[in-house]
């Protein structure tokens, strides 16, 4: 099985982010608010997505790059080193 059969971390992070945002959006819909079973399912879905998102980003430089944190930290370090 080749590495091409599996998504890269960066594309997986993008998918997790989009799915979590979509679940958040669905949780705010009128239909969901009126249906407690659907809301419970969406909450369980979000918990599961966040759990695996956290696992895929744990101690990963890709997570920091994807969230923009790395560039902020690099900029801060450069400013402080010239200070």
PDB file of N, CA and C in Angstrom:
ATOM      1  N   UNK A   1       0.850  -1.180   0.000  1.00  0.00           N
ATOM      2  CA  UNK A   1       0.000   0.000   0.000  1.00  0.00           C
ATOM      3  C   UNK A   1       0.891   1.237   0.000  1.00  0.00           C
ATOM      4  N   UNK A   2       0.653   2.124  -0.912  1.00  0.00           N
ATOM      5  CA  UNK A   2       1.499   3.307  -1.039  1.00  0.00           C
ATOM      6  C   UNK A   2       1.020   4.442  -0.158  1.00  0.00           C
ATOM      7  N   UNK A   3       1.914   5.399   0.066  1.00  0.00           N
ATOM      8  CA  UNK A   3       1.568   6.579   0.862  1.00  0.00           C
ATOM      9  C   UNK A   3       0.498   7.407   0.170  1.00  0.00           C
ATOM     10  N   UNK A   4       0.365   7.264  -1.150  1.00  0.00           N
ATOM     11  CA  UNK A   4      -0.649   7.999  -1.893  1.00  0.00           C
ATOM     12  C   UNK A   4      -2.065   7.571  -1.570  1.00  0.00           C
ATOM     13  N   UNK A   5      -2.212   6.426  -0.904  1.00  0.00           N
ATOM     14  CA  UNK A   5      -3.541   5.941  -0.527  1.00  0.00           C
ATOM     15  C   UNK A   5      -4.094   6.634   0.709  1.00  0.00           C
ATOM     16  N   UNK A   6      -3.260   7.378   1.386  1.00  0.00           N
ATOM     17  CA  UNK A   6      -3.664   8.009   2.635  1.00  0.00           C
ATOM     18  C   UNK A   6      -3.578   9.529   2.520  1.00  0.00           C
ATOM     19  N   UNK A   7      -4.503  10.243   3.165  1.00  0.00           N
ATOM     20  CA  UNK A   7      -4.433  11.710   3.106  1.00  0.00           C
ATOM     21  C   UNK A   7      -3.241  12.229   3.894  1.00  0.00           C
ATOM     22  N   UNK A   8      -2.695  13.339   3.446  1.00  0.00           N
ATOM     23  CA  UNK A   8      -1.619  13.963   4.204  1.00  0.00           C
ATOM     24  C   UNK A   8      -2.210  14.647   5.425  1.00  0.00           C
ATOM     25  N   UNK A   9      -1.357  14.919   6.394  1.00  0.00           N
ATOM     26  CA  UNK A   9      -1.824  15.552   7.621  1.00  0.00           C
ATOM     27  C   UNK A   9      -2.468  16.901   7.332  1.00  0.00           C
ATOM     28  N   UNK A  10      -1.871  17.673   6.438  1.00  0.00           N
ATOM     29  CA  UNK A  10      -2.414  19.008   6.161  1.00  0.00           C
ATOM     30  C   UNK A  10      -3.814  18.928   5.565  1.00  0.00           C
ATOM     31  N   UNK A  11      -4.051  17.968   4.673  1.00  0.00           N
ATOM     32  CA  UNK A  11      -5.395  17.850   4.106  1.00  0.00           C
ATOM     33  C   UNK A  11      -6.366  17.276   5.132  1.00  0.00           C
ATOM     34  N   UNK A  12      -5.888  16.386   5.988  1.00  0.00           N
ATOM     35  CA  UNK A  12      -6.746  15.837   7.038  1.00  0.00           C
ATOM     36  C   UNK A  12      -7.166  16.930   8.019  1.00  0.00           C
ATOM     37  N   UNK A  13      -6.238  17.826   8.358  1.00  0.00           N
ATOM     38  CA  UNK A  13      -6.568  18.923   9.277  1.00  0.00           C
ATOM     39  C   UNK A  13      -7.636  19.823   8.677  1.00  0.00           C
ATOM     40  N   UNK A  14      -7.515  20.084   7.389  1.00  0.00           N
ATOM     41  CA  UNK A  14      -8.503  20.910   6.710  1.00  0.00           C
ATOM     42  C   UNK A  14      -9.880  20.254   6.755  1.00  0.00           C
ATOM     43  N   UNK A  15      -9.926  18.956   6.522  1.00  0.00           N
ATOM     44  CA  UNK A  15     -11.199  18.230   6.554  1.00  0.00           C
ATOM     45  C   UNK A  15     -11.791  18.261   7.960  1.00  0.00           C
ATOM     46  N   UNK A  16     -10.973  17.996   8.985  1.00  0.00           N
ATOM     47  CA  UNK A  16     -11.467  18.060  10.363  1.00  0.00           C
ATOM     48  C   UNK A  16     -12.050  19.442  10.668  1.00  0.00           C
ATOM     49  N   UNK A  17     -11.326  20.475  10.288  1.00  0.00           N
ATOM     50  CA  UNK A  17     -11.782  21.842  10.560  1.00  0.00           C
ATOM     51  C   UNK A  17     -13.121  22.124   9.883  1.00  0.00           C
ATOM     52  N   UNK A  18     -13.231  21.737   8.618  1.00  0.00           N
ATOM     53  CA  UNK A  18     -14.489  21.964   7.897  1.00  0.00           C
ATOM     54  C   UNK A  18     -15.637  21.157   8.493  1.00  0.00           C
ATOM     55  N   UNK A  19     -15.371  19.921   8.859  1.00  0.00           N
ATOM     56  CA  UNK A  19     -16.425  19.097   9.460  1.00  0.00           C
ATOM     57  C   UNK A  19     -16.893  19.661  10.799  1.00  0.00           C
ATOM     58  N   UNK A  20     -15.954  20.082  11.616  1.00  0.00           N
ATOM     59  CA  UNK A  20     -16.315  20.644  12.927  1.00  0.00           C
ATOM     60  C   UNK A  20     -17.137  21.919  12.747  1.00  0.00           C
ATOM     61  N   UNK A  21     -16.739  22.764  11.807  1.00  0.00           N
ATOM     62  CA  UNK A  21     -17.521  23.985  11.536  1.00  0.00           C
ATOM     63  C   UNK A  21     -18.923  23.649  11.040  1.00  0.00           C
ATOM     64  N   UNK A  22     -19.032  22.643  10.174  1.00  0.00           N
ATOM     65  CA  UNK A  22     -20.340  22.249   9.655  1.00  0.00           C
ATOM     66  C   UNK A  22     -21.223  21.696  10.770  1.00  0.00           C
ATOM     67  N   UNK A  23     -20.652  20.892  11.654  1.00  0.00           N
ATOM     68  CA  UNK A  23     -21.419  20.363  12.784  1.00  0.00           C
ATOM     69  C   UNK A  23     -21.881  21.504  13.677  1.00  0.00           C
ATOM     70  N   UNK A  24     -21.006  22.468  13.937  1.00  0.00           N
ATOM     71  CA  UNK A  24     -21.404  23.649  14.724  1.00  0.00           C
ATOM     72  C   UNK A  24     -22.580  24.364  14.071  1.00  0.00           C
ATOM     73  N   UNK A  25     -22.501  24.523  12.769  1.00  0.00           N
ATOM     74  CA  UNK A  25     -23.573  25.187  12.028  1.00  0.00           C
ATOM     75  C   UNK A  25     -24.883  24.408  12.142  1.00  0.00           C
ATOM     76  N   UNK A  26     -24.798  23.105  11.975  1.00  0.00           N
ATOM     77  CA  UNK A  26     -26.007  22.279  12.082  1.00  0.00           C
ATOM     78  C   UNK A  26     -26.606  22.324  13.489  1.00  0.00           C
ATOM     79  N   UNK A  27     -25.747  22.427  14.495  1.00  0.00           N
ATOM     80  CA  UNK A  27     -26.229  22.480  15.881  1.00  0.00           C
ATOM     81  C   UNK A  27     -27.038  23.747  16.143  1.00  0.00           C
ATOM     82  N   UNK A  28     -26.817  24.788  15.351  1.00  0.00           N
ATOM     83  CA  UNK A  28     -27.525  26.055  15.531  1.00  0.00           C
ATOM     84  C   UNK A  28     -28.825  26.134  14.731  1.00  0.00           C
ATOM     85  N   UNK A  29     -29.101  25.132  13.902  1.00  0.00           N
ATOM     86  CA  UNK A  29     -30.289  25.184  13.048  1.00  0.00           C
ATOM     87  C   UNK A  29     -31.567  24.998  13.858  1.00  0.00           C
ATOM     88  N   UNK A  30     -32.650  25.557  13.354  1.00  0.00           N
ATOM     89  CA  UNK A  30     -33.945  25.453  14.028  1.00  0.00           C
ATOM     90  C   UNK A  30     -34.389  24.000  14.171  1.00  0.00           C
ATOM     91  N   UNK A  31     -34.164  23.201  13.152  1.00  0.00           N
ATOM     92  CA  UNK A  31     -34.555  21.794  13.185  1.00  0.00           C
ATOM     93  C   UNK A  31     -33.837  21.060  14.307  1.00  0.00           C
ATOM     94  N   UNK A  32     -32.552  21.318  14.429  1.00  0.00           N
ATOM     95  CA  UNK A  32     -31.761  20.653  15.465  1.00  0.00           C
ATOM     96  C   UNK A  32     -32.193  21.100  16.854  1.00  0.00           C
ATOM     97  N   UNK A  33     -32.430  22.378  17.008  1.00  0.00           N
ATOM     98  CA  UNK A  33     -32.836  22.908  18.309  1.00  0.00           C
ATOM     99  C   UNK A  33     -34.152  22.280  18.763  1.00  0.00           C
ATOM    100  N   UNK A  34     -35.035  21.987  17.823  1.00  0.00           N
ATOM    101  CA  UNK A  34     -36.326  21.389  18.156  1.00  0.00           C
ATOM    102  C   UNK A  34     -36.270  19.870  18.321  1.00  0.00           C
ATOM    103  N   UNK A  35     -35.161  19.253  17.949  1.00  0.00           N
ATOM    104  CA  UNK A  35     -35.054  17.799  18.002  1.00  0.00           C
ATOM    105  C   UNK A  35     -33.860  17.412  18.876  1.00  0.00           C
ATOM    106  N   UNK A  36     -34.134  17.027  20.105  1.00  0.00           N
ATOM    107  CA  UNK A  36     -33.066  16.746  21.067  1.00  0.00           C
ATOM    108  C   UNK A  36     -32.205  15.548  20.667  1.00  0.00           C
ATOM    109  N   UNK A  37     -32.798  14.574  19.962  1.00  0.00           N
ATOM    110  CA  UNK A  37     -32.015  13.409  19.537  1.00  0.00           C
ATOM    111  C   UNK A  37     -30.968  13.799  18.494  1.00  0.00           C
ATOM    112  N   UNK A  38     -31.354  14.659  17.574  1.00  0.00           N
ATOM    113  CA  UNK A  38     -30.418  15.127  16.553  1.00  0.00           C
ATOM    114  C   UNK A  38     -29.315  15.951  17.217  1.00  0.00           C
ATOM    115  N   UNK A  39     -29.688  16.818  18.145  1.00  0.00           N
ATOM    116  CA  UNK A  39     -28.706  17.634  18.846  1.00  0.00           C
ATOM    117  C   UNK A  39     -27.723  16.747  19.614  1.00  0.00           C
ATOM    118  N   UNK A  40     -28.227  15.718  20.277  1.00  0.00           N
ATOM    119  CA  UNK A  40     -27.350  14.798  21.013  1.00  0.00           C
ATOM    120  C   UNK A  40     -26.388  14.090  20.060  1.00  0.00           C
ATOM    121  N   UNK A  41     -26.878  13.691  18.899  1.00  0.00           N
ATOM    122  CA  UNK A  41     -26.018  13.038  17.911  1.00  0.00           C
ATOM    123  C   UNK A  41     -24.947  13.960  17.385  1.00  0.00           C
ATOM    124  N   UNK A  42     -25.311  15.209  17.125  1.00  0.00           N
ATOM    125  CA  UNK A  42     -24.333  16.188  16.639  1.00  0.00           C
ATOM    126  C   UNK A  42     -23.286  16.509  17.704  1.00  0.00           C
ATOM    127  N   UNK A  43     -23.712  16.578  18.959  1.00  0.00           N
ATOM    128  CA  UNK A  43     -22.746  16.812  20.046  1.00  0.00           C
ATOM    129  C   UNK A  43     -21.768  15.655  20.145  1.00  0.00           C
ATOM    130  N   UNK A  44     -22.264  14.429  20.041  1.00  0.00           N
ATOM    131  CA  UNK A  44     -21.388  13.245  20.077  1.00  0.00           C
ATOM    132  C   UNK A  44     -20.436  13.249  18.885  1.00  0.00           C
ATOM    133  N   UNK A  45     -20.946  13.645  17.728  1.00  0.00           N
ATOM    134  CA  UNK A  45     -20.129  13.737  16.519  1.00  0.00           C
ATOM    135  C   UNK A  45     -19.001  14.747  16.711  1.00  0.00           C
ATOM    136  N   UNK A  46     -19.337  15.903  17.272  1.00  0.00           N
ATOM    137  CA  UNK A  46     -18.341  16.948  17.474  1.00  0.00           C
ATOM    138  C   UNK A  46     -17.264  16.506  18.468  1.00  0.00           C
ATOM    139  N   UNK A  47     -17.679  15.844  19.536  1.00  0.00           N
ATOM    140  CA  UNK A  47     -16.720  15.341  20.520  1.00  0.00           C
ATOM    141  C   UNK A  47     -15.745  14.363  19.860  1.00  0.00           C
ATOM    142  N   UNK A  48     -16.275  13.460  19.042  1.00  0.00           N
ATOM    143  CA  UNK A  48     -15.438  12.467  18.354  1.00  0.00           C
ATOM    144  C   UNK A  48     -14.489  13.149  17.367  1.00  0.00           C
ATOM    145  N   UNK A  49     -14.991  14.102  16.587  1.00  0.00           N
ATOM    146  CA  UNK A  49     -14.139  14.823  15.641  1.00  0.00           C
ATOM    147  C   UNK A  49     -13.018  15.573  16.366  1.00  0.00           C
ATOM    148  N   UNK A  50     -13.367  16.249  17.460  1.00  0.00           N
ATOM    149  CA  UNK A  50     -12.364  17.003  18.211  1.00  0.00           C
ATOM    150  C   UNK A  50     -11.327  16.072  18.834  1.00  0.00           C
ATOM    151  N   UNK A  51     -11.767  14.893  19.271  1.00  0.00           N
ATOM    152  CA  UNK A  51     -10.841  13.920  19.854  1.00  0.00           C
ATOM    153  C   UNK A  51      -9.789  13.507  18.829  1.00  0.00           C
ATOM    154  N   UNK A  52     -10.224  13.161  17.634  1.00  0.00           N
ATOM    155  CA  UNK A  52      -9.275  12.725  16.617  1.00  0.00           C
ATOM    156  C   UNK A  52      -8.496  13.885  16.016  1.00  0.00           C
ATOM    157  N   UNK A  53      -9.097  15.069  15.980  1.00  0.00           N
ATOM    158  CA  UNK A  53      -8.365  16.266  15.554  1.00  0.00           C
ATOM    159  C   UNK A  53      -7.208  16.518  16.516  1.00  0.00           C
ATOM    160  N   UNK A  54      -7.484  16.421  17.820  1.00  0.00           N
ATOM    161  CA  UNK A  54      -6.438  16.618  18.824  1.00  0.00           C
ATOM    162  C   UNK A  54      -5.330  15.575  18.682  1.00  0.00           C
ATOM    163  N   UNK A  55      -5.714  14.327  18.415  1.00  0.00           N
ATOM    164  CA  UNK A  55      -4.701  13.278  18.235  1.00  0.00           C
ATOM    165  C   UNK A  55      -3.824  13.556  17.023  1.00  0.00           C
ATOM    166  N   UNK A  56      -4.428  14.048  15.947  1.00  0.00           N
ATOM    167  CA  UNK A  56      -3.660  14.270  14.725  1.00  0.00           C
ATOM    168  C   UNK A  56      -2.785  15.512  14.819  1.00  0.00           C
ATOM    169  N   UNK A  57      -3.057  16.391  15.756  1.00  0.00           N
ATOM    170  CA  UNK A  57      -2.276  17.626  15.864  1.00  0.00           C
ATOM    171  C   UNK A  57      -1.329  17.623  17.058  1.00  0.00           C
ATOM    172  N   UNK A  58      -1.364  16.591  17.859  1.00  0.00           N
ATOM    173  CA  UNK A  58      -0.545  16.547  19.073  1.00  0.00           C
ATOM    174  C   UNK A  58       0.934  16.645  18.716  1.00  0.00           C
ATOM    175  N   UNK A  59       1.585  17.656  19.216  1.00  0.00           N
ATOM    176  CA  UNK A  59       3.009  17.908  18.998  1.00  0.00           C
ATOM    177  C   UNK A  59       3.389  17.921  17.524  1.00  0.00           C
ATOM    178  N   UNK A  60       2.563  18.497  16.694  1.00  0.00           N
ATOM    179  CA  UNK A  60       2.839  18.524  15.257  1.00  0.00           C
ATOM    180  C   UNK A  60       3.103  19.944  14.789  1.00  0.00           C
ATOM    181  N   UNK A  61       4.204  20.112  14.081  1.00  0.00           N
ATOM    182  CA  UNK A  61       4.499  21.435  13.537  1.00  0.00           C
ATOM    183  C   UNK A  61       3.481  21.847  12.488  1.00  0.00           C
ATOM    184  N   UNK A  62       2.834  20.856  11.865  1.00  0.00           N
ATOM    185  CA  UNK A  62       1.809  21.176  10.875  1.00  0.00           C
ATOM    186  C   UNK A  62       0.616  21.875  11.528  1.00  0.00           C
ATOM    187  N   UNK A  63       0.296  21.485  12.740  1.00  0.00           N
ATOM    188  CA  UNK A  63      -0.811  22.132  13.457  1.00  0.00           C
ATOM    189  C   UNK A  63      -0.496  23.604  13.670  1.00  0.00           C
ATOM    190  N   UNK A  64       0.701  23.881  14.113  1.00  0.00           N
ATOM    191  CA  UNK A  64       1.075  25.268  14.371  1.00  0.00           C
ATOM    192  C   UNK A  64       1.105  26.083  13.082  1.00  0.00           C
ATOM    193  N   UNK A  65       1.592  25.481  12.019  1.00  0.00           N
ATOM    194  CA  UNK A  65       1.621  26.178  10.738  1.00  0.00           C
ATOM    195  C   UNK A  65       0.203  26.416  10.224  1.00  0.00           C
ATOM    196  N   UNK A  66      -0.672  25.420  10.371  1.00  0.00           N
ATOM    197  CA  UNK A  66      -2.044  25.531   9.883  1.00  0.00           C
ATOM    198  C   UNK A  66      -2.829  26.595  10.635  1.00  0.00           C
ATOM    199  N   UNK A  67      -2.511  26.779  11.900  1.00  0.00           N
ATOM    200  CA  UNK A  67      -3.250  27.750  12.697  1.00  0.00           C
ATOM    201  C   UNK A  67      -2.595  29.124  12.705  1.00  0.00           C
ATOM    202  N   UNK A  68      -1.435  29.226  12.058  1.00  0.00           N
ATOM    203  CA  UNK A  68      -0.755  30.521  12.013  1.00  0.00           C
ATOM    204  C   UNK A  68       0.084  30.815  13.235  1.00  0.00           C
ATOM    205  N   UNK A  69       0.097  29.908  14.185  1.00  0.00           N
ATOM    206  CA  UNK A  69       0.834  30.130  15.424  1.00  0.00           C
ATOM    207  C   UNK A  69       2.331  30.159  15.184  1.00  0.00           C
ATOM    208  N   UNK A  70       2.819  29.319  14.292  1.00  0.00           N
ATOM    209  CA  UNK A  70       4.252  29.236  14.051  1.00  0.00           C
ATOM    210  C   UNK A  70       4.802  30.564  13.538  1.00  0.00           C
ATOM    211  N   UNK A  71       4.109  31.173  12.595  1.00  0.00           N
ATOM    212  CA  UNK A  71       4.610  32.445  12.064  1.00  0.00           C
ATOM    213  C   UNK A  71       4.577  33.528  13.136  1.00  0.00           C
ATOM    214  N   UNK A  72       3.551  33.522  13.982  1.00  0.00           N
ATOM    215  CA  UNK A  72       3.475  34.491  15.076  1.00  0.00           C
ATOM    216  C   UNK A  72       4.641  34.293  16.042  1.00  0.00           C
ATOM    217  N   UNK A  73       4.908  33.032  16.410  1.00  0.00           N
ATOM    218  CA  UNK A  73       6.008  32.750  17.339  1.00  0.00           C
ATOM    219  C   UNK A  73       7.351  33.123  16.729  1.00  0.00           C
ATOM    220  N   UNK A  74       7.535  32.803  15.458  1.00  0.00           N
ATOM    221  CA  UNK A  74       8.787  33.142  14.780  1.00  0.00           C
ATOM    222  C   UNK A  74       8.980  34.653  14.773  1.00  0.00           C
ATOM    223  N   UNK A  75       7.939  35.383  14.447  1.00  0.00           N
ATOM    224  CA  UNK A  75       8.003  36.855  14.434  1.00  0.00           C
ATOM    225  C   UNK A  75       8.338  37.379  15.827  1.00  0.00           C
ATOM    226  N   UNK A  76       7.718  36.829  16.858  1.00  0.00           N
ATOM    227  CA  UNK A  76       7.964  37.260  18.226  1.00  0.00           C
ATOM    228  C   UNK A  76       9.397  36.971  18.643  1.00  0.00           C
ATOM    229  N   UNK A  77       9.903  35.795  18.285  1.00  0.00           N
ATOM    230  CA  UNK A  77      11.277  35.429  18.639  1.00  0.00           C
ATOM    231  C   UNK A  77      12.260  36.359  17.955  1.00  0.00           C
ATOM    232  N   UNK A  78      12.044  36.659  16.683  1.00  0.00           N
ATOM    233  CA  UNK A  78      12.927  37.561  15.935  1.00  0.00           C
ATOM    234  C   UNK A  78      12.917  38.950  16.573  1.00  0.00           C
ATOM    235  N   UNK A  79      11.741  39.446  16.911  1.00  0.00           N
ATOM    236  CA  UNK A  79      11.650  40.771  17.533  1.00  0.00           C
ATOM    237  C   UNK A  79      12.372  40.800  18.876  1.00  0.00           C
ATOM    238  N   UNK A  80      12.198  39.755  19.661  1.00  0.00           N
ATOM    239  CA  UNK A  80      12.825  39.703  20.982  1.00  0.00           C
ATOM    240  C   UNK A  80      14.345  39.536  20.887  1.00  0.00           C
ATOM    241  N   UNK A  81      14.817  38.870  19.864  1.00  0.00           N
ATOM    242  CA  UNK A  81      16.267  38.659  19.735  1.00  0.00           C
ATOM    243  C   UNK A  81      16.992  39.942  19.315  1.00  0.00           C
ATOM    244  N   UNK A  82      16.249  40.868  18.719  1.00  0.00           N
ATOM    245  CA  UNK A  82      16.845  42.138  18.291  1.00  0.00           C
ATOM    246  C   UNK A  82      16.610  43.248  19.315  1.00  0.00           C
ATOM    247  N   UNK A  83      15.941  42.903  20.414  1.00  0.00           N
ATOM    248  CA  UNK A  83      15.484  43.862  21.363  1.00  0.00           C
ATOM    249  C   UNK A  83      16.417  44.478  22.263  1.00  0.00           C
TER     250      UNK A  83
END
